[in-house]
N, C-alpha and C. Protein backbone atom coordinates (compact mmCIF):
# COMPACT_ATOMS: atom_id res chain seq x y z
N UNK A 1 1.18 12.98 -17.40
CA UNK A 1 1.39 13.15 -15.98
C UNK A 1 1.69 11.79 -15.36
N UNK A 2 2.50 11.79 -14.32
CA UNK A 2 2.83 10.52 -13.67
C UNK A 2 2.94 10.70 -12.16
N UNK A 3 2.90 9.57 -11.49
CA UNK A 3 3.05 9.54 -10.04
C UNK A 3 4.54 9.40 -9.74
N UNK A 4 5.07 10.27 -8.91
CA UNK A 4 6.49 10.19 -8.55
C UNK A 4 6.72 8.98 -7.65
N UNK A 5 7.94 8.47 -7.64
CA UNK A 5 8.25 7.39 -6.70
C UNK A 5 7.97 7.79 -5.25
N UNK A 6 8.20 9.05 -4.91
CA UNK A 6 7.94 9.52 -3.55
C UNK A 6 6.44 9.44 -3.22
N UNK A 7 5.58 9.86 -4.15
CA UNK A 7 4.14 9.76 -3.92
C UNK A 7 3.69 8.30 -3.85
N UNK A 8 4.28 7.44 -4.68
CA UNK A 8 3.94 6.01 -4.64
C UNK A 8 4.31 5.42 -3.28
N UNK A 9 5.46 5.80 -2.75
CA UNK A 9 5.86 5.31 -1.43
C UNK A 9 4.98 5.92 -0.34
N UNK A 10 4.52 7.13 -0.54
CA UNK A 10 3.59 7.74 0.42
C UNK A 10 2.30 6.94 0.48
N UNK A 11 1.82 6.47 -0.66
CA UNK A 11 0.61 5.63 -0.67
C UNK A 11 0.88 4.34 0.09
N UNK A 12 2.04 3.74 -0.13
CA UNK A 12 2.40 2.52 0.59
C UNK A 12 2.43 2.76 2.10
N UNK A 13 3.03 3.86 2.52
CA UNK A 13 3.05 4.22 3.95
C UNK A 13 1.63 4.42 4.48
N UNK A 14 0.79 5.02 3.68
CA UNK A 14 -0.59 5.27 4.10
C UNK A 14 -1.35 3.97 4.29
N UNK A 15 -1.08 2.99 3.46
CA UNK A 15 -1.70 1.67 3.64
C UNK A 15 -1.27 1.09 4.98
N UNK A 16 0.03 1.15 5.28
CA UNK A 16 0.52 0.62 6.56
C UNK A 16 -0.14 1.32 7.74
N UNK A 17 -0.26 2.63 7.65
CA UNK A 17 -0.86 3.38 8.76
C UNK A 17 -2.36 3.14 8.87
N UNK A 18 -3.04 3.02 7.75
CA UNK A 18 -4.49 2.80 7.76
C UNK A 18 -4.83 1.42 8.30
N UNK A 19 -4.01 0.43 7.99
CA UNK A 19 -4.28 -0.94 8.41
C UNK A 19 -3.22 -1.44 9.39
N UNK A 20 -2.80 -0.56 10.30
CA UNK A 20 -1.72 -0.87 11.23
C UNK A 20 -1.96 -2.15 12.03
N UNK A 21 -3.17 -2.39 12.43
CA UNK A 21 -3.47 -3.57 13.25
C UNK A 21 -3.19 -4.86 12.49
N UNK A 22 -3.15 -4.81 11.17
CA UNK A 22 -2.88 -6.00 10.37
C UNK A 22 -1.39 -6.25 10.13
N UNK A 23 -0.57 -5.25 10.34
CA UNK A 23 0.86 -5.41 10.04
C UNK A 23 1.72 -5.55 11.28
N UNK A 24 1.16 -5.31 12.46
CA UNK A 24 1.96 -5.35 13.68
C UNK A 24 1.12 -5.86 14.85
N UNK A 25 1.56 -6.96 15.45
CA UNK A 25 0.83 -7.50 16.59
C UNK A 25 0.80 -6.51 17.75
N UNK A 26 1.78 -5.64 17.85
CA UNK A 26 1.86 -4.68 18.94
C UNK A 26 0.82 -3.58 18.89
N UNK A 27 0.03 -3.53 17.84
CA UNK A 27 -0.95 -2.47 17.71
C UNK A 27 -2.11 -2.60 18.69
N UNK A 28 -2.24 -3.75 19.28
CA UNK A 28 -3.31 -3.93 20.26
C UNK A 28 -2.81 -3.72 21.67
N UNK A 29 -1.54 -3.36 21.84
CA UNK A 29 -0.97 -3.14 23.17
C UNK A 29 -1.29 -1.74 23.66
N UNK A 30 -0.86 -1.46 24.88
CA UNK A 30 -1.13 -0.15 25.50
C UNK A 30 -0.47 0.99 24.73
N UNK A 31 0.68 0.73 24.11
CA UNK A 31 1.39 1.76 23.36
C UNK A 31 1.56 1.30 21.90
N UNK A 32 0.51 1.35 21.13
CA UNK A 32 0.59 0.84 19.75
C UNK A 32 1.45 1.74 18.86
N UNK A 33 2.06 1.13 17.85
CA UNK A 33 2.79 1.93 16.87
C UNK A 33 1.85 2.27 15.73
N UNK A 34 2.33 2.97 14.73
CA UNK A 34 1.46 3.46 13.65
C UNK A 34 1.56 2.65 12.36
N UNK A 35 2.09 1.45 12.42
CA UNK A 35 2.22 0.63 11.23
C UNK A 35 3.56 0.74 10.55
N UNK A 36 4.33 1.74 10.93
CA UNK A 36 5.61 1.96 10.26
C UNK A 36 6.72 1.04 10.79
N UNK A 37 6.39 0.19 11.75
CA UNK A 37 7.38 -0.76 12.27
C UNK A 37 7.81 -1.76 11.21
N UNK A 38 7.02 -1.93 10.15
CA UNK A 38 7.36 -2.86 9.08
C UNK A 38 7.77 -2.13 7.79
N UNK A 39 8.06 -0.85 7.88
CA UNK A 39 8.38 -0.06 6.70
C UNK A 39 9.56 -0.64 5.92
N UNK A 40 10.61 -1.04 6.60
CA UNK A 40 11.80 -1.55 5.91
C UNK A 40 11.46 -2.79 5.08
N UNK A 41 10.57 -3.62 5.56
CA UNK A 41 10.13 -4.79 4.80
C UNK A 41 9.19 -4.38 3.67
N UNK A 42 8.23 -3.53 3.98
CA UNK A 42 7.22 -3.13 2.98
C UNK A 42 7.86 -2.43 1.79
N UNK A 43 8.88 -1.65 2.01
CA UNK A 43 9.47 -0.86 0.93
C UNK A 43 10.41 -1.64 0.02
N UNK A 44 10.71 -2.88 0.38
CA UNK A 44 11.58 -3.71 -0.47
C UNK A 44 10.93 -3.92 -1.84
N UNK A 45 11.73 -3.96 -2.89
CA UNK A 45 11.18 -4.28 -4.20
C UNK A 45 10.63 -5.72 -4.21
N UNK A 46 9.66 -5.94 -5.01
CA UNK A 46 9.00 -7.26 -5.12
C UNK A 46 10.02 -8.37 -5.32
N UNK A 47 11.02 -8.12 -6.13
CA UNK A 47 12.01 -9.15 -6.45
C UNK A 47 12.86 -9.57 -5.25
N UNK A 48 12.96 -8.71 -4.24
CA UNK A 48 13.81 -9.05 -3.09
C UNK A 48 13.01 -9.44 -1.85
N UNK A 49 11.68 -9.45 -1.95
CA UNK A 49 10.86 -9.87 -0.82
C UNK A 49 10.65 -11.38 -0.83
N UNK A 50 10.62 -11.95 0.36
CA UNK A 50 10.26 -13.36 0.47
C UNK A 50 8.74 -13.47 0.39
N UNK A 51 8.24 -14.67 0.20
CA UNK A 51 6.78 -14.86 0.18
C UNK A 51 6.17 -14.47 1.52
N UNK A 52 6.85 -14.77 2.60
CA UNK A 52 6.35 -14.40 3.93
C UNK A 52 6.27 -12.88 4.08
N UNK A 53 7.26 -12.16 3.53
CA UNK A 53 7.24 -10.70 3.59
C UNK A 53 6.11 -10.12 2.73
N UNK A 54 5.83 -10.77 1.60
CA UNK A 54 4.73 -10.31 0.75
C UNK A 54 3.38 -10.58 1.43
N UNK A 55 3.27 -11.67 2.17
CA UNK A 55 2.05 -11.95 2.92
C UNK A 55 1.83 -10.92 4.02
N UNK A 56 2.93 -10.51 4.66
CA UNK A 56 2.85 -9.64 5.83
C UNK A 56 2.66 -8.16 5.49
N UNK A 57 3.08 -7.75 4.30
CA UNK A 57 3.05 -6.33 3.96
C UNK A 57 2.62 -6.12 2.50
N UNK A 58 2.04 -4.96 2.21
CA UNK A 58 1.75 -4.63 0.81
C UNK A 58 3.05 -4.43 0.03
N UNK A 59 2.98 -4.64 -1.28
CA UNK A 59 4.17 -4.56 -2.13
C UNK A 59 3.91 -3.60 -3.29
N UNK A 60 4.80 -2.63 -3.43
CA UNK A 60 4.70 -1.62 -4.48
C UNK A 60 5.37 -2.12 -5.76
N UNK A 61 4.68 -1.93 -6.88
CA UNK A 61 5.21 -2.34 -8.20
C UNK A 61 5.04 -1.20 -9.19
N UNK A 62 5.91 -1.18 -10.20
CA UNK A 62 5.76 -0.16 -11.23
C UNK A 62 4.59 -0.49 -12.15
N UNK A 63 4.38 0.33 -13.15
CA UNK A 63 3.21 0.19 -14.02
C UNK A 63 3.21 -1.11 -14.81
N UNK A 64 4.37 -1.68 -15.05
CA UNK A 64 4.44 -2.88 -15.88
C UNK A 64 3.85 -4.12 -15.21
N UNK A 65 3.86 -4.16 -13.88
CA UNK A 65 3.38 -5.36 -13.17
C UNK A 65 1.92 -5.68 -13.50
N UNK A 66 1.08 -4.67 -13.63
CA UNK A 66 -0.33 -4.88 -13.95
C UNK A 66 -0.71 -4.28 -15.31
N UNK A 67 0.32 -4.00 -16.13
CA UNK A 67 0.11 -3.43 -17.46
C UNK A 67 -0.73 -2.14 -17.40
N UNK A 68 -0.34 -1.26 -16.49
CA UNK A 68 -1.01 0.03 -16.31
C UNK A 68 -0.34 1.07 -17.20
N UNK A 69 -0.98 2.22 -17.36
CA UNK A 69 -0.33 3.29 -18.13
C UNK A 69 0.98 3.72 -17.47
N UNK A 70 1.95 4.06 -18.28
CA UNK A 70 3.24 4.51 -17.75
C UNK A 70 3.03 5.67 -16.80
N UNK A 71 3.75 5.67 -15.70
CA UNK A 71 3.61 6.72 -14.69
C UNK A 71 2.66 6.33 -13.58
N UNK A 72 1.99 5.19 -13.73
CA UNK A 72 1.11 4.67 -12.68
C UNK A 72 1.85 3.57 -11.92
N UNK A 73 1.28 3.15 -10.82
CA UNK A 73 1.88 2.11 -9.98
C UNK A 73 0.78 1.14 -9.56
N UNK A 74 1.19 -0.01 -9.07
CA UNK A 74 0.23 -0.92 -8.45
C UNK A 74 0.80 -1.39 -7.12
N UNK A 75 -0.09 -1.74 -6.22
CA UNK A 75 0.30 -2.27 -4.92
C UNK A 75 -0.53 -3.53 -4.68
N UNK A 76 0.15 -4.63 -4.43
CA UNK A 76 -0.59 -5.85 -4.13
C UNK A 76 -0.35 -6.27 -2.69
N UNK A 77 -1.37 -6.89 -2.11
CA UNK A 77 -1.29 -7.42 -0.75
C UNK A 77 -2.35 -8.49 -0.66
N UNK A 78 -1.94 -9.72 -0.85
CA UNK A 78 -2.91 -10.79 -0.92
C UNK A 78 -2.64 -11.91 0.07
N UNK A 79 -1.72 -11.70 0.96
CA UNK A 79 -1.36 -12.75 1.91
C UNK A 79 -2.31 -12.85 3.08
N UNK A 80 -1.99 -13.74 3.96
CA UNK A 80 -2.82 -14.01 5.13
C UNK A 80 -2.98 -12.82 6.06
N UNK A 81 -2.05 -11.89 6.04
CA UNK A 81 -2.15 -10.72 6.93
C UNK A 81 -3.01 -9.60 6.34
N UNK A 82 -3.30 -9.66 5.07
CA UNK A 82 -4.04 -8.57 4.42
C UNK A 82 -5.50 -8.55 4.88
N UNK A 83 -6.03 -7.36 5.14
CA UNK A 83 -7.45 -7.26 5.48
C UNK A 83 -8.30 -7.65 4.27
N UNK A 84 -9.45 -8.24 4.53
CA UNK A 84 -10.36 -8.59 3.43
C UNK A 84 -10.75 -7.34 2.65
N UNK A 85 -10.62 -7.42 1.35
CA UNK A 85 -11.04 -6.36 0.44
C UNK A 85 -10.54 -4.97 0.85
N UNK A 86 -9.30 -4.90 1.30
CA UNK A 86 -8.69 -3.65 1.75
C UNK A 86 -8.69 -2.59 0.67
N UNK A 87 -8.65 -2.99 -0.59
CA UNK A 87 -8.59 -2.02 -1.69
C UNK A 87 -9.86 -1.20 -1.83
N UNK A 88 -10.96 -1.65 -1.22
CA UNK A 88 -12.24 -0.95 -1.31
C UNK A 88 -12.48 0.00 -0.13
N UNK A 89 -11.49 0.20 0.71
CA UNK A 89 -11.63 1.00 1.92
C UNK A 89 -11.81 2.50 1.62
N UNK A 90 -12.94 3.05 2.04
CA UNK A 90 -13.16 4.49 1.91
C UNK A 90 -12.17 5.27 2.77
N UNK A 91 -11.81 4.72 3.92
CA UNK A 91 -10.85 5.38 4.81
C UNK A 91 -9.49 5.48 4.14
N UNK A 92 -9.07 4.43 3.45
CA UNK A 92 -7.80 4.46 2.74
C UNK A 92 -7.84 5.52 1.64
N UNK A 93 -8.92 5.55 0.88
CA UNK A 93 -9.06 6.55 -0.19
C UNK A 93 -8.95 7.96 0.37
N UNK A 94 -9.64 8.21 1.48
CA UNK A 94 -9.61 9.52 2.13
C UNK A 94 -8.21 9.85 2.63
N UNK A 95 -7.55 8.89 3.25
CA UNK A 95 -6.20 9.12 3.78
C UNK A 95 -5.19 9.41 2.67
N UNK A 96 -5.29 8.68 1.55
CA UNK A 96 -4.38 8.91 0.42
C UNK A 96 -4.60 10.30 -0.16
N UNK A 97 -5.85 10.68 -0.32
CA UNK A 97 -6.15 12.02 -0.85
C UNK A 97 -5.54 13.10 0.05
N UNK A 98 -5.65 12.92 1.37
CA UNK A 98 -5.10 13.91 2.30
C UNK A 98 -3.58 14.00 2.23
N UNK A 99 -2.91 12.85 2.31
CA UNK A 99 -1.44 12.88 2.39
C UNK A 99 -0.77 13.25 1.07
N UNK A 100 -1.49 13.14 -0.04
CA UNK A 100 -0.90 13.51 -1.33
C UNK A 100 -1.47 14.82 -1.86
N UNK A 101 -2.22 15.52 -1.03
CA UNK A 101 -2.83 16.79 -1.44
C UNK A 101 -3.62 16.65 -2.74
N UNK A 102 -4.26 15.48 -2.90
CA UNK A 102 -5.12 15.26 -4.05
C UNK A 102 -4.40 14.95 -5.35
N UNK A 103 -3.09 14.75 -5.32
CA UNK A 103 -2.33 14.45 -6.54
C UNK A 103 -2.53 13.01 -7.02
N UNK A 104 -2.97 12.14 -6.11
CA UNK A 104 -3.03 10.71 -6.39
C UNK A 104 -4.47 10.20 -6.31
N UNK A 105 -4.82 9.36 -7.27
CA UNK A 105 -6.11 8.68 -7.30
C UNK A 105 -5.84 7.19 -7.17
N UNK A 106 -6.53 6.52 -6.25
CA UNK A 106 -6.38 5.07 -6.13
C UNK A 106 -7.67 4.40 -6.55
N UNK A 107 -7.51 3.19 -7.12
CA UNK A 107 -8.68 2.45 -7.60
C UNK A 107 -8.38 0.96 -7.52
N UNK A 108 -9.33 0.18 -7.01
CA UNK A 108 -9.11 -1.26 -6.97
C UNK A 108 -8.97 -1.84 -8.38
N UNK A 109 -8.01 -2.72 -8.54
CA UNK A 109 -7.88 -3.48 -9.78
C UNK A 109 -8.63 -4.81 -9.59
N UNK A 110 -8.48 -5.37 -8.41
CA UNK A 110 -9.27 -6.54 -7.99
C UNK A 110 -9.29 -6.52 -6.46
N UNK A 111 -9.58 -7.61 -5.82
CA UNK A 111 -9.72 -7.58 -4.35
C UNK A 111 -8.42 -7.52 -3.59
N UNK A 112 -7.28 -7.61 -4.29
CA UNK A 112 -6.00 -7.57 -3.58
C UNK A 112 -4.95 -6.69 -4.25
N UNK A 113 -5.33 -5.99 -5.32
CA UNK A 113 -4.37 -5.13 -6.02
C UNK A 113 -5.01 -3.75 -6.20
N UNK A 114 -4.22 -2.74 -5.85
CA UNK A 114 -4.67 -1.35 -5.92
C UNK A 114 -3.91 -0.64 -7.03
N UNK A 115 -4.62 0.08 -7.90
CA UNK A 115 -3.99 0.91 -8.91
C UNK A 115 -3.75 2.31 -8.33
N UNK A 116 -2.61 2.89 -8.63
CA UNK A 116 -2.21 4.21 -8.14
C UNK A 116 -1.96 5.09 -9.36
N UNK A 117 -2.80 6.10 -9.53
CA UNK A 117 -2.80 6.92 -10.76
C UNK A 117 -2.72 8.41 -10.44
N UNK A 118 -2.30 9.23 -11.41
CA UNK A 118 -2.37 10.67 -11.24
C UNK A 118 -3.84 11.10 -11.13
N UNK A 119 -4.12 12.03 -10.25
CA UNK A 119 -5.50 12.52 -10.08
C UNK A 119 -5.88 13.45 -11.21
């Protein structure tokens, strides 16, 4: 079993929405957005992101980046904009389970990299 690219991108979107205040200064305004204002940057492949873009947004990688089982993915976000220990967020786990109808299991690899696996 494997995680589809669409489900992997759904997890990435869920991270942006869960931690919207960290990805967009406008989130503290009267009309905040939902974190998707940086989607075009976040969805770029690791190879085409600048270091500043990697600091500002989480980055989706295939299974080879962290030597995970084939069909799994990893997401890293270790820059200055990343929330402390974001990978341990119960809210993120709950949100991912909801938006993927339980097809996806996430697990911290370390304090800045999240493993994305079939449930």
